[in-house]
Amino acid sequence: MPWITLVDEDDCPPGAAREFVAEGRVVAIFNVQGDIYALDGICPHQGGPLGQGTLEGCIVTCPWHGWQFDVRDGQNQLSPRVCHTVLPTKREQGKILVELP
């Protein structure tokens, strides 16, 4: 699985939610108190842009219909049956990278 460089670390400060397209896939990146997390950027509800959502602590709220996910593990906050795709991240030489399946 390839690692794709998405952004400079400085462009994703603590509290930030960002959206990127990598290899034709929308990826949402979140900085939670210095820890970087990534989710599939498309909300499973109706395709909303999670990377454009509001990040409060480790919870992102989809801007379209308010679905909420824990960015650390993808768990939906209302239904234990809904878990969104988490993508591995790492930092290298001041860049944030994501591993795509």
PDB file of N, CA and C in Angstrom:
ATOM      1  N   MET A   1       0.840  -1.180   0.000  1.00  0.00           N
ATOM      2  CA  MET A   1       0.000   0.000   0.000  1.00  0.00           C
ATOM      3  C   MET A   1       0.888   1.246   0.000  1.00  0.00           C
ATOM      4  N   PRO A   2       0.597   2.179  -0.872  1.00  0.00           N
ATOM      5  CA  PRO A   2       1.469   3.352  -0.977  1.00  0.00           C
ATOM      6  C   PRO A   2       1.200   4.401   0.099  1.00  0.00           C
ATOM      7  N   TRP A   3       2.272   5.068   0.521  1.00  0.00           N
ATOM      8  CA  TRP A   3       2.161   6.234   1.401  1.00  0.00           C
ATOM      9  C   TRP A   3       2.154   7.463   0.509  1.00  0.00           C
ATOM     10  N   ILE A   4       1.180   8.339   0.709  1.00  0.00           N
ATOM     11  CA  ILE A   4       0.997   9.527  -0.107  1.00  0.00           C
ATOM     12  C   ILE A   4       1.207  10.765   0.773  1.00  0.00           C
ATOM     13  N   THR A   5       2.054  11.680   0.320  1.00  0.00           N
ATOM     14  CA  THR A   5       2.257  12.940   1.027  1.00  0.00           C
ATOM     15  C   THR A   5       1.061  13.845   0.763  1.00  0.00           C
ATOM     16  N   LEU A   6       0.463  14.377   1.849  1.00  0.00           N
ATOM     17  CA  LEU A   6      -0.714  15.224   1.708  1.00  0.00           C
ATOM     18  C   LEU A   6      -0.447  16.697   1.966  1.00  0.00           C
ATOM     19  N   VAL A   7       0.323  17.007   3.023  1.00  0.00           N
ATOM     20  CA  VAL A   7       0.416  18.405   3.447  1.00  0.00           C
ATOM     21  C   VAL A   7       1.621  18.590   4.365  1.00  0.00           C
ATOM     22  N   ASP A   8       2.129  19.828   4.427  1.00  0.00           N
ATOM     23  CA  ASP A   8       3.140  20.172   5.423  1.00  0.00           C
ATOM     24  C   ASP A   8       2.492  20.153   6.807  1.00  0.00           C
ATOM     25  N   GLU A   9       3.235  19.699   7.800  1.00  0.00           N
ATOM     26  CA  GLU A   9       2.710  19.677   9.171  1.00  0.00           C
ATOM     27  C   GLU A   9       2.235  21.058   9.616  1.00  0.00           C
ATOM     28  N   ASP A  10       2.954  22.099   9.220  1.00  0.00           N
ATOM     29  CA  ASP A  10       2.604  23.464   9.625  1.00  0.00           C
ATOM     30  C   ASP A  10       1.245  23.912   9.090  1.00  0.00           C
ATOM     31  N   ASP A  11       0.782  23.276   8.018  1.00  0.00           N
ATOM     32  CA  ASP A  11      -0.504  23.641   7.421  1.00  0.00           C
ATOM     33  C   ASP A  11      -1.678  22.864   8.017  1.00  0.00           C
ATOM     34  N   CYS A  12      -1.396  22.081   9.054  1.00  0.00           N
ATOM     35  CA  CYS A  12      -2.452  21.333   9.745  1.00  0.00           C
ATOM     36  C   CYS A  12      -2.207  21.442  11.257  1.00  0.00           C
ATOM     37  N   PRO A  13      -2.435  22.653  11.820  1.00  0.00           N
ATOM     38  CA  PRO A  13      -2.164  22.875  13.242  1.00  0.00           C
ATOM     39  C   PRO A  13      -3.181  22.169  14.144  1.00  0.00           C
ATOM     40  N   PRO A  14      -2.912  22.082  15.438  1.00  0.00           N
ATOM     41  CA  PRO A  14      -3.877  21.474  16.362  1.00  0.00           C
ATOM     42  C   PRO A  14      -5.268  22.095  16.217  1.00  0.00           C
ATOM     43  N   GLY A  15      -6.269  21.215  16.174  1.00  0.00           N
ATOM     44  CA  GLY A  15      -7.657  21.645  16.010  1.00  0.00           C
ATOM     45  C   GLY A  15      -8.112  21.728  14.564  1.00  0.00           C
ATOM     46  N   ALA A  16      -7.195  21.483  13.627  1.00  0.00           N
ATOM     47  CA  ALA A  16      -7.522  21.622  12.206  1.00  0.00           C
ATOM     48  C   ALA A  16      -8.174  20.368  11.640  1.00  0.00           C
ATOM     49  N   ALA A  17      -9.092  20.605  10.708  1.00  0.00           N
ATOM     50  CA  ALA A  17      -9.673  19.561   9.863  1.00  0.00           C
ATOM     51  C   ALA A  17      -9.381  19.996   8.432  1.00  0.00           C
ATOM     52  N   ARG A  18      -8.846  19.094   7.613  1.00  0.00           N
ATOM     53  CA  ARG A  18      -8.486  19.427   6.241  1.00  0.00           C
ATOM     54  C   ARG A  18      -8.965  18.317   5.299  1.00  0.00           C
ATOM     55  N   GLU A  19      -9.213  18.710   4.061  1.00  0.00           N
ATOM     56  CA  GLU A  19      -9.670  17.765   3.038  1.00  0.00           C
ATOM     57  C   GLU A  19      -8.670  17.751   1.886  1.00  0.00           C
ATOM     58  N   PHE A  20      -8.347  16.552   1.407  1.00  0.00           N
ATOM     59  CA  PHE A  20      -7.418  16.383   0.302  1.00  0.00           C
ATOM     60  C   PHE A  20      -7.928  15.292  -0.626  1.00  0.00           C
ATOM     61  N   VAL A  21      -7.453  15.328  -1.857  1.00  0.00           N
ATOM     62  CA  VAL A  21      -7.698  14.238  -2.795  1.00  0.00           C
ATOM     63  C   VAL A  21      -6.351  13.583  -3.058  1.00  0.00           C
ATOM     64  N   ALA A  22      -6.284  12.276  -2.812  1.00  0.00           N
ATOM     65  CA  ALA A  22      -5.054  11.515  -3.007  1.00  0.00           C
ATOM     66  C   ALA A  22      -5.374  10.267  -3.814  1.00  0.00           C
ATOM     67  N   GLU A  23      -4.729  10.143  -4.949  1.00  0.00           N
ATOM     68  CA  GLU A  23      -4.961   8.975  -5.803  1.00  0.00           C
ATOM     69  C   GLU A  23      -6.447   8.806  -6.119  1.00  0.00           C
ATOM     70  N   GLY A  24      -7.149   9.913  -6.324  1.00  0.00           N
ATOM     71  CA  GLY A  24      -8.564   9.880  -6.669  1.00  0.00           C
ATOM     72  C   GLY A  24      -9.505   9.627  -5.502  1.00  0.00           C
ATOM     73  N   ARG A  25      -8.969   9.622  -4.293  1.00  0.00           N
ATOM     74  CA  ARG A  25      -9.774   9.353  -3.099  1.00  0.00           C
ATOM     75  C   ARG A  25      -9.787  10.585  -2.194  1.00  0.00           C
ATOM     76  N   VAL A  26     -10.960  10.947  -1.667  1.00  0.00           N
ATOM     77  CA  VAL A  26     -11.060  12.073  -0.742  1.00  0.00           C
ATOM     78  C   VAL A  26     -10.626  11.593   0.646  1.00  0.00           C
ATOM     79  N   VAL A  27      -9.698  12.344   1.246  1.00  0.00           N
ATOM     80  CA  VAL A  27      -9.147  12.000   2.556  1.00  0.00           C
ATOM     81  C   VAL A  27      -9.332  13.197   3.482  1.00  0.00           C
ATOM     82  N   ALA A  28      -9.800  12.938   4.689  1.00  0.00           N
ATOM     83  CA  ALA A  28      -9.941  13.971   5.710  1.00  0.00           C
ATOM     84  C   ALA A  28      -8.843  13.774   6.747  1.00  0.00           C
ATOM     85  N   ILE A  29      -8.095  14.854   7.020  1.00  0.00           N
ATOM     86  CA  ILE A  29      -7.000  14.821   7.993  1.00  0.00           C
ATOM     87  C   ILE A  29      -7.383  15.699   9.174  1.00  0.00           C
ATOM     88  N   PHE A  30      -7.071  15.232  10.382  1.00  0.00           N
ATOM     89  CA  PHE A  30      -7.416  15.951  11.607  1.00  0.00           C
ATOM     90  C   PHE A  30      -6.213  15.995  12.537  1.00  0.00           C
ATOM     91  N   ASN A  31      -6.006  17.142  13.173  1.00  0.00           N
ATOM     92  CA  ASN A  31      -4.950  17.286  14.164  1.00  0.00           C
ATOM     93  C   ASN A  31      -5.619  17.458  15.523  1.00  0.00           C
ATOM     94  N   VAL A  32      -5.486  16.442  16.367  1.00  0.00           N
ATOM     95  CA  VAL A  32      -6.062  16.456  17.703  1.00  0.00           C
ATOM     96  C   VAL A  32      -4.914  16.597  18.695  1.00  0.00           C
ATOM     97  N   GLN A  33      -4.701  17.809  19.180  1.00  0.00           N
ATOM     98  CA  GLN A  33      -3.655  18.115  20.153  1.00  0.00           C
ATOM     99  C   GLN A  33      -2.289  17.577  19.714  1.00  0.00           C
ATOM    100  N   GLY A  34      -1.982  17.737  18.421  1.00  0.00           N
ATOM    101  CA  GLY A  34      -0.696  17.318  17.894  1.00  0.00           C
ATOM    102  C   GLY A  34      -0.665  15.925  17.307  1.00  0.00           C
ATOM    103  N   ASP A  35      -1.694  15.118  17.562  1.00  0.00           N
ATOM    104  CA  ASP A  35      -1.777  13.786  16.965  1.00  0.00           C
ATOM    105  C   ASP A  35      -2.574  13.877  15.659  1.00  0.00           C
ATOM    106  N   ILE A  36      -2.073  13.222  14.612  1.00  0.00           N
ATOM    107  CA  ILE A  36      -2.688  13.294  13.300  1.00  0.00           C
ATOM    108  C   ILE A  36      -3.500  12.021  13.032  1.00  0.00           C
ATOM    109  N   TYR A  37      -4.735  12.233  12.556  1.00  0.00           N
ATOM    110  CA  TYR A  37      -5.634  11.128  12.217  1.00  0.00           C
ATOM    111  C   TYR A  37      -6.213  11.372  10.827  1.00  0.00           C
ATOM    112  N   ALA A  38      -6.597  10.288  10.158  1.00  0.00           N
ATOM    113  CA  ALA A  38      -7.213  10.406   8.835  1.00  0.00           C
ATOM    114  C   ALA A  38      -8.406   9.463   8.737  1.00  0.00           C
ATOM    115  N   LEU A  39      -9.449   9.978   8.107  1.00  0.00           N
ATOM    116  CA  LEU A  39     -10.636   9.184   7.789  1.00  0.00           C
ATOM    117  C   LEU A  39     -10.890   9.282   6.296  1.00  0.00           C
ATOM    118  N   ASP A  40     -11.601   8.298   5.766  1.00  0.00           N
ATOM    119  CA  ASP A  40     -12.154   8.465   4.423  1.00  0.00           C
ATOM    120  C   ASP A  40     -12.931   9.774   4.472  1.00  0.00           C
ATOM    121  N   GLY A  41     -12.721  10.636   3.505  1.00  0.00           N
ATOM    122  CA  GLY A  41     -13.290  11.978   3.561  1.00  0.00           C
ATOM    123  C   GLY A  41     -14.751  12.095   3.211  1.00  0.00           C
ATOM    124  N   ILE A  42     -15.383  10.995   2.818  1.00  0.00           N
ATOM    125  CA  ILE A  42     -16.790  11.020   2.421  1.00  0.00           C
ATOM    126  C   ILE A  42     -17.642  10.429   3.543  1.00  0.00           C
ATOM    127  N   CYS A  43     -18.546  11.227   4.082  1.00  0.00           N
ATOM    128  CA  CYS A  43     -19.431  10.753   5.146  1.00  0.00           C
ATOM    129  C   CYS A  43     -20.306   9.619   4.625  1.00  0.00           C
ATOM    130  N   PRO A  44     -20.436   8.522   5.378  1.00  0.00           N
ATOM    131  CA  PRO A  44     -21.237   7.394   4.907  1.00  0.00           C
ATOM    132  C   PRO A  44     -22.739   7.674   4.895  1.00  0.00           C
ATOM    133  N   HIS A  45     -23.167   8.758   5.509  1.00  0.00           N
ATOM    134  CA  HIS A  45     -24.599   9.064   5.539  1.00  0.00           C
ATOM    135  C   HIS A  45     -25.103   9.449   4.156  1.00  0.00           C
ATOM    136  N   GLN A  46     -24.651  10.613   3.647  1.00  0.00           N
ATOM    137  CA  GLN A  46     -25.071  11.035   2.309  1.00  0.00           C
ATOM    138  C   GLN A  46     -23.944  11.703   1.538  1.00  0.00           C
ATOM    139  N   GLY A  47     -22.703  11.307   1.837  1.00  0.00           N
ATOM    140  CA  GLY A  47     -21.571  11.766   1.051  1.00  0.00           C
ATOM    141  C   GLY A  47     -21.028  13.131   1.399  1.00  0.00           C
ATOM    142  N   GLY A  48     -21.332  13.638   2.579  1.00  0.00           N
ATOM    143  CA  GLY A  48     -20.833  14.951   2.991  1.00  0.00           C
ATOM    144  C   GLY A  48     -19.323  14.969   3.143  1.00  0.00           C
ATOM    145  N   PRO A  49     -18.707  16.157   3.091  1.00  0.00           N
ATOM    146  CA  PRO A  49     -17.252  16.312   3.169  1.00  0.00           C
ATOM    147  C   PRO A  49     -16.742  16.405   4.604  1.00  0.00           C
ATOM    148  N   LEU A  50     -16.323  15.293   5.177  1.00  0.00           N
ATOM    149  CA  LEU A  50     -15.897  15.285   6.583  1.00  0.00           C
ATOM    150  C   LEU A  50     -14.714  16.211   6.849  1.00  0.00           C
ATOM    151  N   GLY A  51     -13.823  16.385   5.889  1.00  0.00           N
ATOM    152  CA  GLY A  51     -12.679  17.263   6.068  1.00  0.00           C
ATOM    153  C   GLY A  51     -13.045  18.735   6.138  1.00  0.00           C
ATOM    154  N   GLN A  52     -14.293  19.041   5.802  1.00  0.00           N
ATOM    155  CA  GLN A  52     -14.787  20.412   5.923  1.00  0.00           C
ATOM    156  C   GLN A  52     -15.665  20.574   7.161  1.00  0.00           C
ATOM    157  N   GLY A  53     -15.718  19.520   7.961  1.00  0.00           N
ATOM    158  CA  GLY A  53     -16.534  19.546   9.163  1.00  0.00           C
ATOM    159  C   GLY A  53     -15.869  20.279  10.305  1.00  0.00           C
ATOM    160  N   THR A  54     -16.585  20.343  11.413  1.00  0.00           N
ATOM    161  CA  THR A  54     -16.099  20.990  12.629  1.00  0.00           C
ATOM    162  C   THR A  54     -15.463  19.944  13.522  1.00  0.00           C
ATOM    163  N   LEU A  55     -14.236  20.206  13.970  1.00  0.00           N
ATOM    164  CA  LEU A  55     -13.528  19.302  14.870  1.00  0.00           C
ATOM    165  C   LEU A  55     -13.551  19.894  16.266  1.00  0.00           C
ATOM    166  N   GLU A  56     -14.143  19.150  17.214  1.00  0.00           N
ATOM    167  CA  GLU A  56     -14.155  19.543  18.626  1.00  0.00           C
ATOM    168  C   GLU A  56     -13.561  18.395  19.410  1.00  0.00           C
ATOM    169  N   GLY A  57     -12.360  18.626  19.947  1.00  0.00           N
ATOM    170  CA  GLY A  57     -11.639  17.529  20.598  1.00  0.00           C
ATOM    171  C   GLY A  57     -11.303  16.498  19.541  1.00  0.00           C
ATOM    172  N   CYS A  58     -11.777  15.264  19.726  1.00  0.00           N
ATOM    173  CA  CYS A  58     -11.517  14.211  18.746  1.00  0.00           C
ATOM    174  C   CYS A  58     -12.765  13.863  17.930  1.00  0.00           C
ATOM    175  N   ILE A  59     -13.797  14.694  18.014  1.00  0.00           N
ATOM    176  CA  ILE A  59     -15.060  14.430  17.319  1.00  0.00           C
ATOM    177  C   ILE A  59     -15.231  15.403  16.155  1.00  0.00           C
ATOM    178  N   VAL A  60     -15.426  14.839  14.954  1.00  0.00           N
ATOM    179  CA  VAL A  60     -15.718  15.666  13.779  1.00  0.00           C
ATOM    180  C   VAL A  60     -17.212  15.567  13.497  1.00  0.00           C
ATOM    181  N   THR A  61     -17.804  16.710  13.150  1.00  0.00           N
ATOM    182  CA  THR A  61     -19.212  16.777  12.790  1.00  0.00           C
ATOM    183  C   THR A  61     -19.315  17.088  11.308  1.00  0.00           C
ATOM    184  N   CYS A  62     -19.996  16.225  10.575  1.00  0.00           N
ATOM    185  CA  CYS A  62     -20.189  16.432   9.140  1.00  0.00           C
ATOM    186  C   CYS A  62     -20.992  17.715   8.917  1.00  0.00           C
ATOM    187  N   PRO A  63     -20.541  18.581   8.001  1.00  0.00           N
ATOM    188  CA  PRO A  63     -21.241  19.850   7.797  1.00  0.00           C
ATOM    189  C   PRO A  63     -22.598  19.718   7.116  1.00  0.00           C
ATOM    190  N   TRP A  64     -22.881  18.587   6.504  1.00  0.00           N
ATOM    191  CA  TRP A  64     -24.153  18.450   5.791  1.00  0.00           C
ATOM    192  C   TRP A  64     -25.316  18.096   6.710  1.00  0.00           C
ATOM    193  N   HIS A  65     -25.178  17.043   7.514  1.00  0.00           N
ATOM    194  CA  HIS A  65     -26.316  16.565   8.307  1.00  0.00           C
ATOM    195  C   HIS A  65     -25.978  16.284   9.764  1.00  0.00           C
ATOM    196  N   GLY A  66     -24.782  16.688  10.195  1.00  0.00           N
ATOM    197  CA  GLY A  66     -24.459  16.596  11.609  1.00  0.00           C
ATOM    198  C   GLY A  66     -24.018  15.244  12.124  1.00  0.00           C
ATOM    199  N   TRP A  67     -23.766  14.268  11.249  1.00  0.00           N
ATOM    200  CA  TRP A  67     -23.257  12.994  11.751  1.00  0.00           C
ATOM    201  C   TRP A  67     -21.897  13.241  12.388  1.00  0.00           C
ATOM    202  N   GLN A  68     -21.632  12.545  13.510  1.00  0.00           N
ATOM    203  CA  GLN A  68     -20.405  12.752  14.254  1.00  0.00           C
ATOM    204  C   GLN A  68     -19.603  11.462  14.367  1.00  0.00           C
ATOM    205  N   PHE A  69     -18.277  11.615  14.220  1.00  0.00           N
ATOM    206  CA  PHE A  69     -17.370  10.478  14.285  1.00  0.00           C
ATOM    207  C   PHE A  69     -16.170  10.828  15.151  1.00  0.00           C
ATOM    208  N   ASP A  70     -15.682   9.827  15.885  1.00  0.00           N
ATOM    209  CA  ASP A  70     -14.424   9.954  16.601  1.00  0.00           C
ATOM    210  C   ASP A  70     -13.323   9.740  15.564  1.00  0.00           C
ATOM    211  N   VAL A  71     -12.468  10.736  15.353  1.00  0.00           N
ATOM    212  CA  VAL A  71     -11.463  10.633  14.302  1.00  0.00           C
ATOM    213  C   VAL A  71     -10.367   9.623  14.641  1.00  0.00           C
ATOM    214  N   ARG A  72     -10.268   9.228  15.900  1.00  0.00           N
ATOM    215  CA  ARG A  72      -9.241   8.267  16.296  1.00  0.00           C
ATOM    216  C   ARG A  72      -9.556   6.850  15.842  1.00  0.00           C
ATOM    217  N   ASP A  73     -10.857   6.492  15.837  1.00  0.00           N
ATOM    218  CA  ASP A  73     -11.214   5.118  15.482  1.00  0.00           C
ATOM    219  C   ASP A  73     -12.386   5.017  14.503  1.00  0.00           C
ATOM    220  N   GLY A  74     -12.932   6.153  14.065  1.00  0.00           N
ATOM    221  CA  GLY A  74     -14.010   6.156  13.086  1.00  0.00           C
ATOM    222  C   GLY A  74     -15.391   5.857  13.642  1.00  0.00           C
ATOM    223  N   GLN A  75     -15.500   5.698  14.950  1.00  0.00           N
ATOM    224  CA  GLN A  75     -16.779   5.311  15.549  1.00  0.00           C
ATOM    225  C   GLN A  75     -17.808   6.444  15.481  1.00  0.00           C
ATOM    226  N   ASN A  76     -18.989   6.122  14.961  1.00  0.00           N
ATOM    227  CA  ASN A  76     -20.106   7.064  14.945  1.00  0.00           C
ATOM    228  C   ASN A  76     -20.541   7.286  16.388  1.00  0.00           C
ATOM    229  N   GLN A  77     -20.928   8.513  16.706  1.00  0.00           N
ATOM    230  CA  GLN A  77     -21.249   8.859  18.085  1.00  0.00           C
ATOM    231  C   GLN A  77     -22.672   8.502  18.495  1.00  0.00           C
ATOM    232  N   LEU A  78     -23.540   8.152  17.545  1.00  0.00           N
ATOM    233  CA  LEU A  78     -24.909   7.782  17.902  1.00  0.00           C
ATOM    234  C   LEU A  78     -25.192   6.294  17.736  1.00  0.00           C
ATOM    235  N   SER A  79     -24.510   5.655  16.800  1.00  0.00           N
ATOM    236  CA  SER A  79     -24.785   4.251  16.530  1.00  0.00           C
ATOM    237  C   SER A  79     -23.515   3.415  16.623  1.00  0.00           C
ATOM    238  N   PRO A  80     -23.471   2.464  17.545  1.00  0.00           N
ATOM    239  CA  PRO A  80     -22.288   1.609  17.657  1.00  0.00           C
ATOM    240  C   PRO A  80     -22.103   0.706  16.432  1.00  0.00           C
ATOM    241  N   ARG A  81     -23.142   0.602  15.605  1.00  0.00           N
ATOM    242  CA  ARG A  81     -23.053  -0.240  14.408  1.00  0.00           C
ATOM    243  C   ARG A  81     -22.361   0.463  13.240  1.00  0.00           C
ATOM    244  N   VAL A  82     -22.195   1.789  13.336  1.00  0.00           N
ATOM    245  CA  VAL A  82     -21.585   2.550  12.243  1.00  0.00           C
ATOM    246  C   VAL A  82     -20.169   2.940  12.628  1.00  0.00           C
ATOM    247  N   CYS A  83     -19.216   2.457  11.845  1.00  0.00           N
ATOM    248  CA  CYS A  83     -17.812   2.801  12.066  1.00  0.00           C
ATOM    249  C   CYS A  83     -17.221   3.171  10.707  1.00  0.00           C
ATOM    250  N   HIS A  84     -16.626   4.356  10.616  1.00  0.00           N
ATOM    251  CA  HIS A  84     -16.112   4.862   9.354  1.00  0.00           C
ATOM    252  C   HIS A  84     -14.659   4.430   9.152  1.00  0.00           C
ATOM    253  N   THR A  85     -14.214   4.412   7.901  1.00  0.00           N
ATOM    254  CA  THR A  85     -12.882   3.951   7.538  1.00  0.00           C
ATOM    255  C   THR A  85     -11.789   4.895   8.035  1.00  0.00           C
ATOM    256  N   VAL A  86     -10.874   4.337   8.825  1.00  0.00           N
ATOM    257  CA  VAL A  86      -9.703   5.064   9.333  1.00  0.00           C
ATOM    258  C   VAL A  86      -8.518   4.707   8.441  1.00  0.00           C
ATOM    259  N   LEU A  87      -7.712   5.704   8.109  1.00  0.00           N
ATOM    260  CA  LEU A  87      -6.522   5.487   7.291  1.00  0.00           C
ATOM    261  C   LEU A  87      -5.278   5.772   8.124  1.00  0.00           C
ATOM    262  N   PRO A  88      -4.246   4.930   8.007  1.00  0.00           N
ATOM    263  CA  PRO A  88      -3.009   5.157   8.766  1.00  0.00           C
ATOM    264  C   PRO A  88      -2.310   6.440   8.314  1.00  0.00           C
ATOM    265  N   THR A  89      -1.703   7.132   9.266  1.00  0.00           N
ATOM    266  CA  THR A  89      -0.926   8.336   8.963  1.00  0.00           C
ATOM    267  C   THR A  89       0.458   8.217   9.575  1.00  0.00           C
ATOM    268  N   LYS A  90       1.382   9.024   9.043  1.00  0.00           N
ATOM    269  CA  LYS A  90       2.705   9.159   9.645  1.00  0.00           C
ATOM    270  C   LYS A  90       3.268  10.510   9.239  1.00  0.00           C
ATOM    271  N   ARG A  91       4.324  10.894   9.949  1.00  0.00           N
ATOM    272  CA  ARG A  91       5.024  12.148   9.659  1.00  0.00           C
ATOM    273  C   ARG A  91       6.428  11.806   9.184  1.00  0.00           C
ATOM    274  N   GLU A  92       6.860  12.524   8.152  1.00  0.00           N
ATOM    275  CA  GLU A  92       8.215  12.355   7.633  1.00  0.00           C
ATOM    276  C   GLU A  92       8.721  13.695   7.142  1.00  0.00           C
ATOM    277  N   GLN A  93       9.837  14.133   7.661  1.00  0.00           N
ATOM    278  CA  GLN A  93      10.501  15.348   7.200  1.00  0.00           C
ATOM    279  C   GLN A  93       9.559  16.535   7.100  1.00  0.00           C
ATOM    280  N   GLY A  94       8.731  16.723   8.143  1.00  0.00           N
ATOM    281  CA  GLY A  94       7.837  17.863   8.185  1.00  0.00           C
ATOM    282  C   GLY A  94       6.576  17.729   7.338  1.00  0.00           C
ATOM    283  N   LYS A  95       6.311  16.546   6.814  1.00  0.00           N
ATOM    284  CA  LYS A  95       5.130  16.302   5.994  1.00  0.00           C
ATOM    285  C   LYS A  95       4.217  15.286   6.678  1.00  0.00           C
ATOM    286  N   ILE A  96       2.916  15.369   6.354  1.00  0.00           N
ATOM    287  CA  ILE A  96       1.940  14.374   6.813  1.00  0.00           C
ATOM    288  C   ILE A  96       1.640  13.462   5.638  1.00  0.00           C
ATOM    289  N   LEU A  97       1.754  12.164   5.880  1.00  0.00           N
ATOM    290  CA  LEU A  97       1.486  11.167   4.857  1.00  0.00           C
ATOM    291  C   LEU A  97       0.341  10.268   5.290  1.00  0.00           C
ATOM    292  N   VAL A  98      -0.372   9.729   4.330  1.00  0.00           N
ATOM    293  CA  VAL A  98      -1.465   8.799   4.598  1.00  0.00           C
ATOM    294  C   VAL A  98      -1.214   7.535   3.768  1.00  0.00           C
ATOM    295  N   GLU A  99      -1.586   6.399   4.339  1.00  0.00           N
ATOM    296  CA  GLU A  99      -1.457   5.128   3.615  1.00  0.00           C
ATOM    297  C   GLU A  99      -2.821   4.765   3.049  1.00  0.00           C
ATOM    298  N   LEU A 100      -2.856   4.570   1.736  1.00  0.00           N
ATOM    299  CA  LEU A 100      -4.108   4.223   1.067  1.00  0.00           C
ATOM    300  C   LEU A 100      -4.151   2.735   0.763  1.00  0.00           C
ATOM    301  N   PRO A 101      -5.328   2.138   0.911  1.00  0.00           N
ATOM    302  CA  PRO A 101      -5.463   0.710   0.597  1.00  0.00           C
ATOM    303  C   PRO A 101      -5.409   0.464  -0.906  1.00  0.00           C
TER     304      PRO A 101
END
